[in-house]
């Protein structure tokens, strides 16, 4: 499932940066803001973009800025 893969990608970056690991089963998961709630900076977003593009062959930022995990999931549908 895309949701679980995205959570794994995000948590891989969180683990590297010692950020809080996110729970893909939490009620707020899809509404988490990549910058404000998770703490991603531009480098983290670039890293996530490459991971997603390699896995799904989709550039999530092609049509503009993506702010939340839910927006990423919609781009992959």
Foldseek 3Di string as FASTA:
>chain_A
DVLVVLLVLLQVLCVVVVWDRDDSPDPCQQVAFVCPRGNDDPVSVVSSQVVCCVVQVFRLCPPHDDTGNNSSVVSRD
